[in-house]
């Protein structure tokens, strides 16, 4: 992964990656995940779902979870979230 980590003007650590350079790993057929840089506070992934695919297991987290829908839709707990939806689950 091509990663550039530096301190910004405010003295905070900043990491920049080109998503296309991050290795894609197949979770199950139709779902591909790219693991993005993590910190002690948060982890991140870019996940591509083919139409009609479902996450292979119940997904529970001890911390909050957030996702942003770029295209298509995510059906989560019977609710549909389309392009532009930013969803946050608190623990």
N, C-alpha and C. Protein backbone atom coordinates (compact mmCIF):
# COMPACT_ATOMS: atom_id res chain seq x y z
N UNK A 1 0.86 -1.17 0.00
CA UNK A 1 0.00 0.00 0.00
C UNK A 1 0.90 1.23 0.00
N UNK A 2 0.60 2.15 -0.87
CA UNK A 2 1.30 3.42 -0.92
C UNK A 2 0.69 4.33 0.13
N UNK A 3 1.47 4.67 1.14
CA UNK A 3 0.93 5.42 2.28
C UNK A 3 1.87 6.57 2.60
N UNK A 4 1.31 7.75 2.83
CA UNK A 4 2.08 8.93 3.18
C UNK A 4 1.59 9.41 4.54
N UNK A 5 2.44 9.30 5.57
CA UNK A 5 2.06 9.73 6.91
C UNK A 5 2.96 10.89 7.30
N UNK A 6 2.33 11.96 7.79
CA UNK A 6 3.09 13.14 8.20
C UNK A 6 2.29 13.92 9.22
N UNK A 7 2.90 14.93 9.79
CA UNK A 7 2.21 15.80 10.74
C UNK A 7 1.72 17.03 9.99
N UNK A 8 0.44 17.39 10.21
CA UNK A 8 -0.11 18.55 9.51
C UNK A 8 0.24 19.84 10.26
N UNK A 9 -0.26 20.96 9.76
CA UNK A 9 0.06 22.27 10.34
C UNK A 9 -0.35 22.41 11.79
N UNK A 10 -1.39 21.71 12.20
CA UNK A 10 -1.87 21.78 13.59
C UNK A 10 -1.13 20.81 14.50
N UNK A 11 -0.17 20.07 13.95
CA UNK A 11 0.59 19.12 14.75
C UNK A 11 -0.06 17.76 14.89
N UNK A 12 -1.10 17.50 14.10
CA UNK A 12 -1.80 16.21 14.15
C UNK A 12 -1.26 15.29 13.06
N UNK A 13 -1.24 14.01 13.38
CA UNK A 13 -0.78 13.02 12.43
C UNK A 13 -1.80 12.89 11.30
N UNK A 14 -1.33 12.86 10.08
CA UNK A 14 -2.19 12.76 8.90
C UNK A 14 -1.64 11.67 8.00
N UNK A 15 -2.52 10.77 7.56
CA UNK A 15 -2.12 9.69 6.66
C UNK A 15 -2.97 9.78 5.40
N UNK A 16 -2.32 9.68 4.26
CA UNK A 16 -3.00 9.73 2.97
C UNK A 16 -2.64 8.47 2.19
N UNK A 17 -3.66 7.80 1.66
CA UNK A 17 -3.44 6.63 0.81
C UNK A 17 -4.22 6.80 -0.48
N UNK A 18 -3.74 6.18 -1.52
CA UNK A 18 -4.50 6.08 -2.76
C UNK A 18 -5.23 4.75 -2.71
N UNK A 19 -6.55 4.80 -2.64
CA UNK A 19 -7.36 3.60 -2.44
C UNK A 19 -7.06 2.54 -3.49
N UNK A 20 -6.82 2.95 -4.72
CA UNK A 20 -6.54 1.97 -5.77
C UNK A 20 -5.25 1.19 -5.51
N UNK A 21 -4.36 1.74 -4.66
CA UNK A 21 -3.11 1.06 -4.33
C UNK A 21 -3.26 0.06 -3.18
N UNK A 22 -4.40 0.08 -2.51
CA UNK A 22 -4.63 -0.81 -1.37
C UNK A 22 -5.06 -2.18 -1.89
N UNK A 23 -4.42 -3.23 -1.40
CA UNK A 23 -4.74 -4.58 -1.86
C UNK A 23 -6.19 -4.94 -1.54
N UNK A 24 -6.90 -5.43 -2.53
CA UNK A 24 -8.29 -5.86 -2.36
C UNK A 24 -8.31 -7.33 -1.97
N UNK A 25 -9.12 -7.66 -0.96
CA UNK A 25 -9.26 -9.05 -0.53
C UNK A 25 -10.73 -9.45 -0.61
N UNK A 26 -10.98 -10.61 -1.21
CA UNK A 26 -12.35 -11.09 -1.31
C UNK A 26 -12.81 -11.64 0.04
N UNK A 27 -13.94 -11.13 0.54
CA UNK A 27 -14.53 -11.62 1.79
C UNK A 27 -15.31 -12.89 1.48
N UNK A 28 -16.21 -12.79 0.54
CA UNK A 28 -16.97 -13.91 -0.04
C UNK A 28 -17.20 -13.51 -1.49
N UNK A 29 -17.63 -14.42 -2.35
CA UNK A 29 -17.89 -14.02 -3.73
C UNK A 29 -18.85 -12.82 -3.79
N UNK A 30 -18.41 -11.76 -4.46
CA UNK A 30 -19.23 -10.56 -4.61
C UNK A 30 -18.94 -9.46 -3.61
N UNK A 31 -18.09 -9.74 -2.60
CA UNK A 31 -17.74 -8.71 -1.62
C UNK A 31 -16.21 -8.61 -1.54
N UNK A 32 -15.70 -7.41 -1.82
CA UNK A 32 -14.27 -7.16 -1.79
C UNK A 32 -14.00 -6.05 -0.78
N UNK A 33 -12.99 -6.26 0.07
CA UNK A 33 -12.68 -5.30 1.13
C UNK A 33 -11.23 -4.84 1.01
N UNK A 34 -11.03 -3.53 1.22
CA UNK A 34 -9.69 -2.95 1.30
C UNK A 34 -9.52 -2.39 2.71
N UNK A 35 -8.50 -2.84 3.42
CA UNK A 35 -8.23 -2.34 4.78
C UNK A 35 -7.45 -1.03 4.67
N UNK A 36 -8.02 0.02 5.22
CA UNK A 36 -7.39 1.33 5.20
C UNK A 36 -6.58 1.53 6.47
N UNK A 37 -5.70 2.52 6.51
CA UNK A 37 -4.88 2.73 7.71
C UNK A 37 -5.75 2.92 8.95
N UNK A 38 -5.28 2.39 10.07
CA UNK A 38 -6.00 2.48 11.34
C UNK A 38 -5.20 3.31 12.34
N UNK A 39 -5.89 3.78 13.35
CA UNK A 39 -5.26 4.45 14.48
C UNK A 39 -5.71 3.74 15.75
N UNK A 40 -5.29 4.24 16.88
CA UNK A 40 -5.75 3.68 18.15
C UNK A 40 -7.24 3.96 18.37
N UNK A 41 -7.81 4.89 17.59
CA UNK A 41 -9.19 5.31 17.79
C UNK A 41 -10.18 4.71 16.79
N UNK A 42 -9.71 4.37 15.61
CA UNK A 42 -10.65 3.92 14.58
C UNK A 42 -9.96 3.05 13.55
N UNK A 43 -10.76 2.16 12.96
CA UNK A 43 -10.31 1.36 11.82
C UNK A 43 -11.17 1.75 10.63
N UNK A 44 -10.68 1.48 9.45
CA UNK A 44 -11.46 1.81 8.27
C UNK A 44 -11.25 0.81 7.16
N UNK A 45 -12.31 0.60 6.39
CA UNK A 45 -12.27 -0.27 5.23
C UNK A 45 -13.07 0.38 4.12
N UNK A 46 -12.73 0.03 2.92
CA UNK A 46 -13.56 0.33 1.76
C UNK A 46 -14.08 -1.02 1.30
N UNK A 47 -15.40 -1.15 1.26
CA UNK A 47 -16.00 -2.45 0.94
C UNK A 47 -16.89 -2.28 -0.28
N UNK A 48 -16.67 -3.11 -1.28
CA UNK A 48 -17.49 -3.13 -2.50
C UNK A 48 -18.38 -4.36 -2.46
N UNK A 49 -19.69 -4.13 -2.58
CA UNK A 49 -20.66 -5.22 -2.63
C UNK A 49 -21.22 -5.30 -4.05
N UNK A 50 -21.20 -6.48 -4.63
CA UNK A 50 -21.90 -6.67 -5.90
C UNK A 50 -23.40 -6.69 -5.60
N UNK A 51 -24.19 -6.31 -6.57
CA UNK A 51 -25.65 -6.30 -6.39
C UNK A 51 -26.13 -7.66 -5.89
N UNK A 52 -26.99 -7.63 -4.86
CA UNK A 52 -27.59 -8.85 -4.34
C UNK A 52 -26.77 -9.61 -3.32
N UNK A 53 -25.55 -9.15 -3.01
CA UNK A 53 -24.74 -9.86 -2.02
C UNK A 53 -25.08 -9.41 -0.61
N UNK A 54 -24.79 -10.27 0.35
CA UNK A 54 -25.04 -9.97 1.76
C UNK A 54 -23.78 -10.27 2.56
N UNK A 55 -23.58 -9.50 3.63
CA UNK A 55 -22.46 -9.76 4.53
C UNK A 55 -22.65 -11.16 5.09
N UNK A 56 -21.59 -11.97 5.20
CA UNK A 56 -21.75 -13.39 5.51
C UNK A 56 -22.11 -13.74 6.95
N UNK A 57 -22.14 -12.78 7.85
CA UNK A 57 -22.41 -13.09 9.26
C UNK A 57 -23.05 -11.89 9.94
N UNK A 58 -23.60 -12.11 11.12
CA UNK A 58 -24.11 -11.00 11.91
C UNK A 58 -22.90 -10.18 12.34
N UNK A 59 -22.99 -8.89 12.17
CA UNK A 59 -21.86 -8.00 12.37
C UNK A 59 -22.11 -7.14 13.61
N UNK A 60 -21.44 -7.45 14.72
CA UNK A 60 -21.61 -6.69 15.96
C UNK A 60 -20.28 -6.08 16.36
N UNK A 61 -20.34 -4.89 16.94
CA UNK A 61 -19.13 -4.16 17.31
C UNK A 61 -19.24 -3.64 18.74
N UNK A 62 -18.14 -3.65 19.46
CA UNK A 62 -18.11 -3.08 20.81
C UNK A 62 -18.02 -1.55 20.75
N UNK A 63 -17.58 -1.04 19.61
CA UNK A 63 -17.48 0.41 19.42
C UNK A 63 -18.43 0.82 18.31
N UNK A 64 -18.49 2.12 18.05
CA UNK A 64 -19.42 2.56 17.01
C UNK A 64 -18.98 2.12 15.63
N UNK A 65 -19.94 2.08 14.74
CA UNK A 65 -19.71 1.71 13.35
C UNK A 65 -20.32 2.80 12.48
N UNK A 66 -19.63 3.15 11.41
CA UNK A 66 -20.11 4.16 10.48
C UNK A 66 -19.92 3.66 9.06
N UNK A 67 -20.86 4.01 8.20
CA UNK A 67 -20.63 3.74 6.78
C UNK A 67 -21.32 4.78 5.92
N UNK A 68 -20.77 4.96 4.72
CA UNK A 68 -21.27 5.91 3.74
C UNK A 68 -21.57 5.14 2.47
N UNK A 69 -22.75 5.31 1.93
CA UNK A 69 -23.15 4.59 0.72
C UNK A 69 -22.81 5.45 -0.50
N UNK A 70 -21.90 4.95 -1.34
CA UNK A 70 -21.50 5.68 -2.54
C UNK A 70 -22.49 5.49 -3.68
N UNK A 71 -22.91 4.25 -3.89
CA UNK A 71 -23.86 3.96 -4.96
C UNK A 71 -24.65 2.72 -4.58
N UNK A 72 -25.74 2.50 -5.29
CA UNK A 72 -26.60 1.37 -4.96
C UNK A 72 -27.32 1.62 -3.66
N UNK A 73 -27.55 0.56 -2.90
CA UNK A 73 -28.19 0.73 -1.60
C UNK A 73 -27.75 -0.37 -0.66
N UNK A 74 -27.82 -0.06 0.63
CA UNK A 74 -27.55 -1.02 1.68
C UNK A 74 -28.87 -1.25 2.40
N UNK A 75 -29.24 -2.51 2.57
CA UNK A 75 -30.43 -2.85 3.35
C UNK A 75 -29.92 -3.32 4.69
N UNK A 76 -30.23 -2.57 5.72
CA UNK A 76 -29.69 -2.82 7.06
C UNK A 76 -30.85 -2.87 8.04
N UNK A 77 -31.10 -4.05 8.60
CA UNK A 77 -32.20 -4.19 9.55
C UNK A 77 -33.55 -3.86 8.92
N UNK A 78 -33.70 -4.14 7.64
CA UNK A 78 -34.96 -3.87 6.95
C UNK A 78 -35.09 -2.46 6.42
N UNK A 79 -34.14 -1.58 6.75
CA UNK A 79 -34.16 -0.20 6.24
C UNK A 79 -33.24 -0.09 5.04
N UNK A 80 -33.68 0.68 4.05
CA UNK A 80 -32.88 0.88 2.84
C UNK A 80 -32.16 2.23 2.92
N UNK A 81 -30.85 2.20 2.66
CA UNK A 81 -30.04 3.41 2.66
C UNK A 81 -29.40 3.53 1.28
N UNK A 82 -29.72 4.61 0.57
CA UNK A 82 -29.23 4.79 -0.79
C UNK A 82 -28.02 5.70 -0.86
N UNK A 83 -27.61 6.05 -2.09
CA UNK A 83 -26.44 6.89 -2.31
C UNK A 83 -26.51 8.18 -1.49
N UNK A 84 -25.40 8.49 -0.85
CA UNK A 84 -25.32 9.70 -0.04
C UNK A 84 -25.67 9.48 1.42
N UNK A 85 -26.16 8.30 1.79
CA UNK A 85 -26.52 8.04 3.19
C UNK A 85 -25.25 7.79 4.01
N UNK A 86 -25.17 8.45 5.15
CA UNK A 86 -24.08 8.25 6.11
C UNK A 86 -24.74 7.72 7.37
N UNK A 87 -24.42 6.50 7.75
CA UNK A 87 -25.10 5.81 8.85
C UNK A 87 -24.12 5.62 10.00
N UNK A 88 -24.56 5.95 11.22
CA UNK A 88 -23.73 5.79 12.42
C UNK A 88 -24.50 4.96 13.44
N UNK A 89 -23.87 3.90 13.92
CA UNK A 89 -24.41 3.09 15.01
C UNK A 89 -23.58 3.34 16.25
N UNK A 90 -24.20 3.75 17.34
CA UNK A 90 -23.49 3.89 18.61
C UNK A 90 -23.57 2.56 19.35
N UNK A 91 -22.54 2.23 20.14
CA UNK A 91 -22.58 0.95 20.87
C UNK A 91 -23.67 0.94 21.94
